[in-house]
Amino acid sequence: MDGQQLNRLLLETIGAWDPFGLGNGAYEVEAVDVLQAVYDTDDPRTLAARIQSIYEFAFDKTIPARDCQKLARRLLKLKHAASCSLP
């Protein structure tokens, strides 16, 4: 999987996550910020904290840490699987 494919897959996964029930397309700016965060760390707790912070800043609401951790683990699993695949 190349970088563009991985980015699309990550953005699809992030976009499917609807923590505030606002519907499809409500989190486009946040999705890009989370995508960058995925590349900045390999630690699920660090990524979860970043995800929580990104959405809290944008919506002035806090997402439970366990929800952010589930998304963080899923995103990092996709990132690692892509980096381990043979060309």
PDB file of N, CA and C in Angstrom:
ATOM      1  N   MET A   1       0.852  -1.172   0.000  1.00  0.00           N
ATOM      2  CA  MET A   1       0.000   0.000   0.000  1.00  0.00           C
ATOM      3  C   MET A   1       0.899   1.237   0.000  1.00  0.00           C
ATOM      4  N   ASP A   2       0.634   2.152  -0.913  1.00  0.00           N
ATOM      5  CA  ASP A   2       1.450   3.356  -0.948  1.00  0.00           C
ATOM      6  C   ASP A   2       0.892   4.415   0.015  1.00  0.00           C
ATOM      7  N   GLY A   3       1.612   5.510   0.135  1.00  0.00           N
ATOM      8  CA  GLY A   3       1.248   6.556   1.091  1.00  0.00           C
ATOM      9  C   GLY A   3      -0.115   7.175   0.833  1.00  0.00           C
ATOM     10  N   GLN A   4      -0.448   7.371  -0.440  1.00  0.00           N
ATOM     11  CA  GLN A   4      -1.752   7.954  -0.766  1.00  0.00           C
ATOM     12  C   GLN A   4      -2.889   7.016  -0.393  1.00  0.00           C
ATOM     13  N   GLN A   5      -2.697   5.740  -0.655  1.00  0.00           N
ATOM     14  CA  GLN A   5      -3.726   4.758  -0.284  1.00  0.00           C
ATOM     15  C   GLN A   5      -3.906   4.709   1.225  1.00  0.00           C
ATOM     16  N   LEU A   6      -2.785   4.733   1.937  1.00  0.00           N
ATOM     17  CA  LEU A   6      -2.857   4.721   3.394  1.00  0.00           C
ATOM     18  C   LEU A   6      -3.573   5.968   3.894  1.00  0.00           C
ATOM     19  N   ASN A   7      -3.240   7.120   3.359  1.00  0.00           N
ATOM     20  CA  ASN A   7      -3.898   8.353   3.779  1.00  0.00           C
ATOM     21  C   ASN A   7      -5.397   8.293   3.541  1.00  0.00           C
ATOM     22  N   ARG A   8      -5.802   7.776   2.379  1.00  0.00           N
ATOM     23  CA  ARG A   8      -7.239   7.643   2.096  1.00  0.00           C
ATOM     24  C   ARG A   8      -7.913   6.712   3.100  1.00  0.00           C
ATOM     25  N   LEU A   9      -7.256   5.586   3.386  1.00  0.00           N
ATOM     26  CA  LEU A   9      -7.816   4.627   4.331  1.00  0.00           C
ATOM     27  C   LEU A   9      -7.921   5.238   5.733  1.00  0.00           C
ATOM     28  N   LEU A  10      -6.871   5.929   6.157  1.00  0.00           N
ATOM     29  CA  LEU A  10      -6.896   6.580   7.463  1.00  0.00           C
ATOM     30  C   LEU A  10      -7.986   7.644   7.522  1.00  0.00           C
ATOM     31  N   LEU A  11      -8.088   8.462   6.472  1.00  0.00           N
ATOM     32  CA  LEU A  11      -9.113   9.510   6.454  1.00  0.00           C
ATOM     33  C   LEU A  11     -10.525   8.918   6.422  1.00  0.00           C
ATOM     34  N   GLU A  12     -10.708   7.799   5.720  1.00  0.00           N
ATOM     35  CA  GLU A  12     -12.005   7.111   5.736  1.00  0.00           C
ATOM     36  C   GLU A  12     -12.357   6.652   7.147  1.00  0.00           C
ATOM     37  N   THR A  13     -11.373   6.079   7.824  1.00  0.00           N
ATOM     38  CA  THR A  13     -11.582   5.575   9.178  1.00  0.00           C
ATOM     39  C   THR A  13     -11.894   6.722  10.134  1.00  0.00           C
ATOM     40  N   ILE A  14     -11.139   7.788  10.027  1.00  0.00           N
ATOM     41  CA  ILE A  14     -11.380   8.955  10.880  1.00  0.00           C
ATOM     42  C   ILE A  14     -12.740   9.559  10.557  1.00  0.00           C
ATOM     43  N   GLY A  15     -13.050   9.680   9.266  1.00  0.00           N
ATOM     44  CA  GLY A  15     -14.318  10.273   8.850  1.00  0.00           C
ATOM     45  C   GLY A  15     -15.530   9.464   9.264  1.00  0.00           C
ATOM     46  N   ALA A  16     -15.374   8.157   9.373  1.00  0.00           N
ATOM     47  CA  ALA A  16     -16.486   7.299   9.794  1.00  0.00           C
ATOM     48  C   ALA A  16     -16.766   7.426  11.289  1.00  0.00           C
ATOM     49  N   TRP A  17     -15.792   7.934  12.021  1.00  0.00           N
ATOM     50  CA  TRP A  17     -15.943   8.120  13.464  1.00  0.00           C
ATOM     51  C   TRP A  17     -16.756   9.391  13.685  1.00  0.00           C
ATOM     52  N   ASP A  18     -17.862   9.289  14.365  1.00  0.00           N
ATOM     53  CA  ASP A  18     -18.767  10.425  14.561  1.00  0.00           C
ATOM     54  C   ASP A  18     -19.040  10.588  16.057  1.00  0.00           C
ATOM     55  N   PRO A  19     -18.066  11.120  16.792  1.00  0.00           N
ATOM     56  CA  PRO A  19     -18.185  11.140  18.255  1.00  0.00           C
ATOM     57  C   PRO A  19     -19.297  12.029  18.796  1.00  0.00           C
ATOM     58  N   PHE A  20     -19.752  12.998  18.015  1.00  0.00           N
ATOM     59  CA  PHE A  20     -20.802  13.899  18.501  1.00  0.00           C
ATOM     60  C   PHE A  20     -22.115  13.741  17.741  1.00  0.00           C
ATOM     61  N   GLY A  21     -22.184  12.758  16.855  1.00  0.00           N
ATOM     62  CA  GLY A  21     -23.416  12.498  16.127  1.00  0.00           C
ATOM     63  C   GLY A  21     -23.811  13.614  15.172  1.00  0.00           C
ATOM     64  N   LEU A  22     -22.833  14.258  14.560  1.00  0.00           N
ATOM     65  CA  LEU A  22     -23.110  15.389  13.671  1.00  0.00           C
ATOM     66  C   LEU A  22     -23.261  14.987  12.205  1.00  0.00           C
ATOM     67  N   GLY A  23     -22.981  13.743  11.889  1.00  0.00           N
ATOM     68  CA  GLY A  23     -23.158  13.253  10.532  1.00  0.00           C
ATOM     69  C   GLY A  23     -21.917  13.357   9.669  1.00  0.00           C
ATOM     70  N   ASN A  24     -22.044  12.802   8.492  1.00  0.00           N
ATOM     71  CA  ASN A  24     -20.949  12.716   7.531  1.00  0.00           C
ATOM     72  C   ASN A  24     -20.463  14.112   7.116  1.00  0.00           C
ATOM     73  N   GLY A  25     -19.147  14.288   7.090  1.00  0.00           N
ATOM     74  CA  GLY A  25     -18.559  15.540   6.627  1.00  0.00           C
ATOM     75  C   GLY A  25     -18.432  16.628   7.670  1.00  0.00           C
ATOM     76  N   ALA A  26     -18.829  16.355   8.895  1.00  0.00           N
ATOM     77  CA  ALA A  26     -18.801  17.386   9.938  1.00  0.00           C
ATOM     78  C   ALA A  26     -17.421  17.585  10.550  1.00  0.00           C
ATOM     79  N   TYR A  27     -16.486  16.706  10.237  1.00  0.00           N
ATOM     80  CA  TYR A  27     -15.193  16.725  10.920  1.00  0.00           C
ATOM     81  C   TYR A  27     -14.009  16.783   9.951  1.00  0.00           C
ATOM     82  N   GLU A  28     -14.173  17.392   8.810  1.00  0.00           N
ATOM     83  CA  GLU A  28     -13.123  17.364   7.793  1.00  0.00           C
ATOM     84  C   GLU A  28     -11.818  17.999   8.266  1.00  0.00           C
ATOM     85  N   VAL A  29     -11.902  19.150   8.900  1.00  0.00           N
ATOM     86  CA  VAL A  29     -10.692  19.829   9.386  1.00  0.00           C
ATOM     87  C   VAL A  29     -10.028  18.996  10.475  1.00  0.00           C
ATOM     88  N   GLU A  30     -10.816  18.468  11.381  1.00  0.00           N
ATOM     89  CA  GLU A  30     -10.279  17.658  12.469  1.00  0.00           C
ATOM     90  C   GLU A  30      -9.650  16.376  11.938  1.00  0.00           C
ATOM     91  N   ALA A  31     -10.245  15.803  10.892  1.00  0.00           N
ATOM     92  CA  ALA A  31      -9.705  14.572  10.308  1.00  0.00           C
ATOM     93  C   ALA A  31      -8.286  14.793   9.784  1.00  0.00           C
ATOM     94  N   VAL A  32      -8.048  15.921   9.158  1.00  0.00           N
ATOM     95  CA  VAL A  32      -6.706  16.221   8.646  1.00  0.00           C
ATOM     96  C   VAL A  32      -5.723  16.387   9.804  1.00  0.00           C
ATOM     97  N   ASP A  33      -6.163  17.033  10.875  1.00  0.00           N
ATOM     98  CA  ASP A  33      -5.298  17.192  12.052  1.00  0.00           C
ATOM     99  C   ASP A  33      -4.978  15.839  12.684  1.00  0.00           C
ATOM    100  N   VAL A  34      -5.964  14.963  12.757  1.00  0.00           N
ATOM    101  CA  VAL A  34      -5.745  13.628  13.319  1.00  0.00           C
ATOM    102  C   VAL A  34      -4.811  12.834  12.407  1.00  0.00           C
ATOM    103  N   LEU A  35      -4.985  12.957  11.101  1.00  0.00           N
ATOM    104  CA  LEU A  35      -4.096  12.271  10.166  1.00  0.00           C
ATOM    105  C   LEU A  35      -2.644  12.669  10.420  1.00  0.00           C
ATOM    106  N   GLN A  36      -2.393  13.947  10.595  1.00  0.00           N
ATOM    107  CA  GLN A  36      -1.034  14.402  10.885  1.00  0.00           C
ATOM    108  C   GLN A  36      -0.540  13.806  12.202  1.00  0.00           C
ATOM    109  N   ALA A  37      -1.399  13.755  13.182  1.00  0.00           N
ATOM    110  CA  ALA A  37      -1.026  13.204  14.490  1.00  0.00           C
ATOM    111  C   ALA A  37      -0.641  11.731  14.385  1.00  0.00           C
ATOM    112  N   VAL A  38      -1.310  10.995  13.490  1.00  0.00           N
ATOM    113  CA  VAL A  38      -0.984   9.576  13.291  1.00  0.00           C
ATOM    114  C   VAL A  38       0.469   9.422  12.851  1.00  0.00           C
ATOM    115  N   TYR A  39       0.937  10.345  12.035  1.00  0.00           N
ATOM    116  CA  TYR A  39       2.311  10.275  11.547  1.00  0.00           C
ATOM    117  C   TYR A  39       3.316  10.811  12.570  1.00  0.00           C
ATOM    118  N   ASP A  40       2.834  11.541  13.554  1.00  0.00           N
ATOM    119  CA  ASP A  40       3.723  12.134  14.560  1.00  0.00           C
ATOM    120  C   ASP A  40       4.075  11.189  15.707  1.00  0.00           C
ATOM    121  N   THR A  41       3.300  10.122  15.884  1.00  0.00           N
ATOM    122  CA  THR A  41       3.536   9.236  17.030  1.00  0.00           C
ATOM    123  C   THR A  41       3.169   7.796  16.697  1.00  0.00           C
ATOM    124  N   ASP A  42       3.764   6.890  17.443  1.00  0.00           N
ATOM    125  CA  ASP A  42       3.401   5.477  17.367  1.00  0.00           C
ATOM    126  C   ASP A  42       2.802   4.993  18.680  1.00  0.00           C
ATOM    127  N   ASP A  43       2.636   5.904  19.623  1.00  0.00           N
ATOM    128  CA  ASP A  43       2.112   5.559  20.935  1.00  0.00           C
ATOM    129  C   ASP A  43       0.601   5.800  20.978  1.00  0.00           C
ATOM    130  N   PRO A  44      -0.199   4.761  21.229  1.00  0.00           N
ATOM    131  CA  PRO A  44      -1.652   4.932  21.216  1.00  0.00           C
ATOM    132  C   PRO A  44      -2.173   5.909  22.267  1.00  0.00           C
ATOM    133  N   ARG A  45      -1.542   5.957  23.423  1.00  0.00           N
ATOM    134  CA  ARG A  45      -2.011   6.900  24.458  1.00  0.00           C
ATOM    135  C   ARG A  45      -1.751   8.340  24.049  1.00  0.00           C
ATOM    136  N   THR A  46      -0.589   8.577  23.464  1.00  0.00           N
ATOM    137  CA  THR A  46      -0.252   9.917  22.991  1.00  0.00           C
ATOM    138  C   THR A  46      -1.200  10.337  21.880  1.00  0.00           C
ATOM    139  N   LEU A  47      -1.439   9.420  20.943  1.00  0.00           N
ATOM    140  CA  LEU A  47      -2.341   9.722  19.842  1.00  0.00           C
ATOM    141  C   LEU A  47      -3.758   9.965  20.359  1.00  0.00           C
ATOM    142  N   ALA A  48      -4.212   9.148  21.289  1.00  0.00           N
ATOM    143  CA  ALA A  48      -5.558   9.328  21.852  1.00  0.00           C
ATOM    144  C   ALA A  48      -5.699  10.700  22.514  1.00  0.00           C
ATOM    145  N   ALA A  49      -4.677  11.122  23.233  1.00  0.00           N
ATOM    146  CA  ALA A  49      -4.714  12.442  23.874  1.00  0.00           C
ATOM    147  C   ALA A  49      -4.773  13.546  22.824  1.00  0.00           C
ATOM    148  N   ARG A  50      -4.026  13.377  21.730  1.00  0.00           N
ATOM    149  CA  ARG A  50      -4.055  14.371  20.644  1.00  0.00           C
ATOM    150  C   ARG A  50      -5.436  14.418  19.995  1.00  0.00           C
ATOM    151  N   ILE A  51      -6.009  13.254  19.752  1.00  0.00           N
ATOM    152  CA  ILE A  51      -7.348  13.189  19.154  1.00  0.00           C
ATOM    153  C   ILE A  51      -8.347  13.902  20.058  1.00  0.00           C
ATOM    154  N   GLN A  52      -8.303  13.587  21.330  1.00  0.00           N
ATOM    155  CA  GLN A  52      -9.213  14.209  22.286  1.00  0.00           C
ATOM    156  C   GLN A  52      -9.042  15.728  22.280  1.00  0.00           C
ATOM    157  N   SER A  53      -7.810  16.182  22.260  1.00  0.00           N
ATOM    158  CA  SER A  53      -7.517  17.612  22.267  1.00  0.00           C
ATOM    159  C   SER A  53      -8.006  18.298  20.989  1.00  0.00           C
ATOM    160  N   ILE A  54      -7.799  17.679  19.849  1.00  0.00           N
ATOM    161  CA  ILE A  54      -8.222  18.251  18.559  1.00  0.00           C
ATOM    162  C   ILE A  54      -9.728  18.471  18.541  1.00  0.00           C
ATOM    163  N   TYR A  55     -10.481  17.466  18.943  1.00  0.00           N
ATOM    164  CA  TYR A  55     -11.937  17.575  18.908  1.00  0.00           C
ATOM    165  C   TYR A  55     -12.464  18.491  20.007  1.00  0.00           C
ATOM    166  N   GLU A  56     -11.821  18.470  21.159  1.00  0.00           N
ATOM    167  CA  GLU A  56     -12.254  19.352  22.244  1.00  0.00           C
ATOM    168  C   GLU A  56     -12.043  20.815  21.862  1.00  0.00           C
ATOM    169  N   PHE A  57     -10.919  21.108  21.224  1.00  0.00           N
ATOM    170  CA  PHE A  57     -10.637  22.474  20.791  1.00  0.00           C
ATOM    171  C   PHE A  57     -11.674  22.941  19.767  1.00  0.00           C
ATOM    172  N   ALA A  58     -12.020  22.065  18.834  1.00  0.00           N
ATOM    173  CA  ALA A  58     -12.935  22.440  17.752  1.00  0.00           C
ATOM    174  C   ALA A  58     -14.388  22.543  18.199  1.00  0.00           C
ATOM    175  N   PHE A  59     -14.806  21.680  19.121  1.00  0.00           N
ATOM    176  CA  PHE A  59     -16.220  21.594  19.463  1.00  0.00           C
ATOM    177  C   PHE A  59     -16.536  21.961  20.907  1.00  0.00           C
ATOM    178  N   ASP A  60     -15.510  22.257  21.681  1.00  0.00           N
ATOM    179  CA  ASP A  60     -15.677  22.626  23.083  1.00  0.00           C
ATOM    180  C   ASP A  60     -16.456  21.561  23.864  1.00  0.00           C
ATOM    181  N   LYS A  61     -16.216  20.303  23.484  1.00  0.00           N
ATOM    182  CA  LYS A  61     -16.799  19.148  24.163  1.00  0.00           C
ATOM    183  C   LYS A  61     -15.705  18.110  24.311  1.00  0.00           C
ATOM    184  N   THR A  62     -15.755  17.353  25.397  1.00  0.00           N
ATOM    185  CA  THR A  62     -14.745  16.329  25.639  1.00  0.00           C
ATOM    186  C   THR A  62     -15.278  14.953  25.256  1.00  0.00           C
ATOM    187  N   ILE A  63     -14.473  14.232  24.509  1.00  0.00           N
ATOM    188  CA  ILE A  63     -14.788  12.848  24.150  1.00  0.00           C
ATOM    189  C   ILE A  63     -14.142  11.962  25.204  1.00  0.00           C
ATOM    190  N   PRO A  64     -14.838  10.935  25.695  1.00  0.00           N
ATOM    191  CA  PRO A  64     -14.220  10.039  26.669  1.00  0.00           C
ATOM    192  C   PRO A  64     -12.903   9.457  26.149  1.00  0.00           C
ATOM    193  N   ALA A  65     -11.918   9.382  27.010  1.00  0.00           N
ATOM    194  CA  ALA A  65     -10.580   8.908  26.632  1.00  0.00           C
ATOM    195  C   ALA A  65     -10.639   7.513  26.012  1.00  0.00           C
ATOM    196  N   ARG A  66     -11.483   6.640  26.522  1.00  0.00           N
ATOM    197  CA  ARG A  66     -11.538   5.269  25.992  1.00  0.00           C
ATOM    198  C   ARG A  66     -11.994   5.256  24.530  1.00  0.00           C
ATOM    199  N   ASP A  67     -12.874   6.181  24.147  1.00  0.00           N
ATOM    200  CA  ASP A  67     -13.311   6.265  22.751  1.00  0.00           C
ATOM    201  C   ASP A  67     -12.156   6.716  21.855  1.00  0.00           C
ATOM    202  N   CYS A  68     -11.395   7.679  22.344  1.00  0.00           N
ATOM    203  CA  CYS A  68     -10.231   8.170  21.589  1.00  0.00           C
ATOM    204  C   CYS A  68      -9.168   7.088  21.494  1.00  0.00           C
ATOM    205  N   GLN A  69      -9.006   6.306  22.542  1.00  0.00           N
ATOM    206  CA  GLN A  69      -8.009   5.231  22.536  1.00  0.00           C
ATOM    207  C   GLN A  69      -8.384   4.153  21.530  1.00  0.00           C
ATOM    208  N   LYS A  70      -9.669   3.842  21.418  1.00  0.00           N
ATOM    209  CA  LYS A  70     -10.097   2.844  20.438  1.00  0.00           C
ATOM    210  C   LYS A  70      -9.764   3.305  19.023  1.00  0.00           C
ATOM    211  N   LEU A  71     -10.046   4.571  18.721  1.00  0.00           N
ATOM    212  CA  LEU A  71      -9.732   5.097  17.400  1.00  0.00           C
ATOM    213  C   LEU A  71      -8.221   5.130  17.188  1.00  0.00           C
ATOM    214  N   ALA A  72      -7.481   5.552  18.186  1.00  0.00           N
ATOM    215  CA  ALA A  72      -6.019   5.637  18.075  1.00  0.00           C
ATOM    216  C   ALA A  72      -5.425   4.266  17.769  1.00  0.00           C
ATOM    217  N   ARG A  73      -5.864   3.250  18.479  1.00  0.00           N
ATOM    218  CA  ARG A  73      -5.350   1.901  18.240  1.00  0.00           C
ATOM    219  C   ARG A  73      -5.685   1.428  16.824  1.00  0.00           C
ATOM    220  N   ARG A  74      -6.902   1.711  16.362  1.00  0.00           N
ATOM    221  CA  ARG A  74      -7.313   1.306  15.023  1.00  0.00           C
ATOM    222  C   ARG A  74      -6.441   2.000  13.963  1.00  0.00           C
ATOM    223  N   LEU A  75      -6.210   3.303  14.136  1.00  0.00           N
ATOM    224  CA  LEU A  75      -5.416   4.057  13.169  1.00  0.00           C
ATOM    225  C   LEU A  75      -3.960   3.595  13.144  1.00  0.00           C
ATOM    226  N   LEU A  76      -3.395   3.379  14.311  1.00  0.00           N
ATOM    227  CA  LEU A  76      -2.007   2.924  14.371  1.00  0.00           C
ATOM    228  C   LEU A  76      -1.854   1.513  13.814  1.00  0.00           C
ATOM    229  N   LYS A  77      -2.863   0.685  14.006  1.00  0.00           N
ATOM    230  CA  LYS A  77      -2.830  -0.666  13.442  1.00  0.00           C
ATOM    231  C   LYS A  77      -2.800  -0.592  11.915  1.00  0.00           C
ATOM    232  N   LEU A  78      -3.603   0.298  11.340  1.00  0.00           N
ATOM    233  CA  LEU A  78      -3.608   0.481   9.885  1.00  0.00           C
ATOM    234  C   LEU A  78      -2.252   1.003   9.413  1.00  0.00           C
ATOM    235  N   LYS A  79      -1.703   1.976  10.122  1.00  0.00           N
ATOM    236  CA  LYS A  79      -0.400   2.549   9.754  1.00  0.00           C
ATOM    237  C   LYS A  79       0.683   1.479   9.786  1.00  0.00           C
ATOM    238  N   HIS A  80       0.712   0.694  10.843  1.00  0.00           N
ATOM    239  CA  HIS A  80       1.743  -0.339  10.979  1.00  0.00           C
ATOM    240  C   HIS A  80       1.569  -1.453   9.951  1.00  0.00           C
ATOM    241  N   ALA A  81       0.330  -1.808   9.662  1.00  0.00           N
ATOM    242  CA  ALA A  81       0.091  -2.852   8.665  1.00  0.00           C
ATOM    243  C   ALA A  81       0.561  -2.398   7.286  1.00  0.00           C
ATOM    244  N   ALA A  82       0.357  -1.134   6.985  1.00  0.00           N
ATOM    245  CA  ALA A  82       0.795  -0.594   5.692  1.00  0.00           C
ATOM    246  C   ALA A  82       2.313  -0.540   5.595  1.00  0.00           C
ATOM    247  N   SER A  83       2.959  -0.209   6.697  1.00  0.00           N
ATOM    248  CA  SER A  83       4.425  -0.093   6.663  1.00  0.00           C
ATOM    249  C   SER A  83       5.093  -1.466   6.644  1.00  0.00           C
ATOM    250  N   CYS A  84       4.369  -2.504   7.054  1.00  0.00           N
ATOM    251  CA  CYS A  84       4.931  -3.859   7.089  1.00  0.00           C
ATOM    252  C   CYS A  84       4.643  -4.646   5.829  1.00  0.00           C
ATOM    253  N   SER A  85       3.743  -4.126   4.976  1.00  0.00           N
ATOM    254  CA  SER A  85       3.380  -4.894   3.783  1.00  0.00           C
ATOM    255  C   SER A  85       4.500  -4.840   2.748  1.00  0.00           C
ATOM    256  N   LEU A  86       4.586  -5.908   1.994  1.00  0.00           N
ATOM    257  CA  LEU A  86       5.603  -5.984   0.940  1.00  0.00           C
ATOM    258  C   LEU A  86       5.131  -5.182  -0.273  1.00  0.00           C
ATOM    259  N   PRO A  87       6.055  -4.568  -0.990  1.00  0.00           N
ATOM    260  CA  PRO A  87       5.667  -3.782  -2.185  1.00  0.00           C
ATOM    261  C   PRO A  87       5.126  -4.644  -3.295  1.00  0.00           C
TER     262      PRO A  87
END
